[in-house]
């Protein structure tokens, strides 16, 4: 059963029982990703690491290190 079929079945059941209709799949994806990002930044600050730019700076260090060893 696909996600869409399950959602339609849940909507049908909710309407028959007089309950509120569940949110559509993907309706809160953006909010969930934003909350996860904020939580990871918060944990980084608590651990004493920079909250932003960690991946870019790590890639920069890795690429600079590779360019010296290729000589």
Protein backbone atom coordinates (compact mmCIF):
# COMPACT_ATOMS: atom_id res chain seq x y z
CA UNK A 1 0.00 0.00 0.00
CA UNK A 2 1.41 3.38 -0.96
CA UNK A 3 1.53 6.42 1.28
CA UNK A 4 -1.24 8.07 -0.71
CA UNK A 5 -3.52 5.06 -0.41
CA UNK A 6 -2.92 4.85 3.33
CA UNK A 7 -3.66 8.56 3.68
CA UNK A 8 -6.92 8.23 1.76
CA UNK A 9 -7.93 5.27 3.92
CA UNK A 10 -7.16 7.28 7.08
CA UNK A 11 -9.20 10.23 5.78
CA UNK A 12 -12.13 7.95 5.00
CA UNK A 13 -12.02 6.38 8.47
CA UNK A 14 -11.74 9.78 10.16
CA UNK A 15 -14.71 11.16 8.26
CA UNK A 16 -16.85 8.12 9.07
CA UNK A 17 -16.04 8.37 12.79
CA UNK A 18 -16.41 12.15 12.96
CA UNK A 19 -12.75 12.66 13.87
CA UNK A 20 -10.44 15.36 12.50
CA UNK A 21 -8.74 14.53 9.21
CA UNK A 22 -5.01 13.70 9.55
CA UNK A 23 -2.50 16.01 7.86
CA UNK A 24 -1.44 15.13 4.33
CA UNK A 25 1.89 13.31 3.89
CA UNK A 26 4.72 15.81 3.66
CA UNK A 27 2.71 18.67 5.15
CA UNK A 28 5.19 19.23 7.98
CA UNK A 29 8.43 18.07 6.35
CA UNK A 30 9.89 21.56 6.15
CA UNK A 31 9.17 22.25 9.82
CA UNK A 32 10.70 18.91 10.83
CA UNK A 33 13.90 19.56 8.88
CA UNK A 34 14.18 23.06 10.34
CA UNK A 35 13.68 21.75 13.87
CA UNK A 36 16.34 19.09 13.33
CA UNK A 37 18.79 21.69 11.99
CA UNK A 38 18.15 23.98 14.96
CA UNK A 39 18.61 21.10 17.40
CA UNK A 40 21.92 20.10 15.81
CA UNK A 41 23.16 23.70 15.97
CA UNK A 42 22.13 23.91 19.62
CA UNK A 43 23.97 20.66 20.44
CA UNK A 44 27.07 21.95 18.62
CA UNK A 45 27.08 25.15 20.70
CA UNK A 46 26.73 23.15 23.91
CA UNK A 47 29.68 20.98 22.86
CA UNK A 48 31.81 24.06 22.15
CA UNK A 49 31.86 23.64 18.37
CA UNK A 50 30.89 26.30 15.82
CA UNK A 51 27.20 26.17 15.03
CA UNK A 52 27.50 27.09 11.36
CA UNK A 53 29.92 26.33 8.55
CA UNK A 54 31.29 23.11 10.01
CA UNK A 55 30.94 21.03 6.85
CA UNK A 56 32.41 23.67 4.57
CA UNK A 57 35.41 24.25 6.84
CA UNK A 58 36.01 20.51 7.21
CA UNK A 59 35.91 20.05 3.43
CA UNK A 60 38.28 22.99 3.02
CA UNK A 61 40.76 21.46 5.47
CA UNK A 62 40.49 18.10 3.74
CA UNK A 63 41.00 19.56 0.27
CA UNK A 64 43.95 21.72 1.36
CA UNK A 65 45.55 18.67 2.94
CA UNK A 66 45.17 16.63 -0.26
CA UNK A 67 46.68 19.33 -2.48
CA UNK A 68 49.95 19.30 -0.50
CA UNK A 69 50.43 15.53 -0.65
CA UNK A 70 49.85 15.25 -4.42
CA UNK A 71 53.17 16.95 -5.35
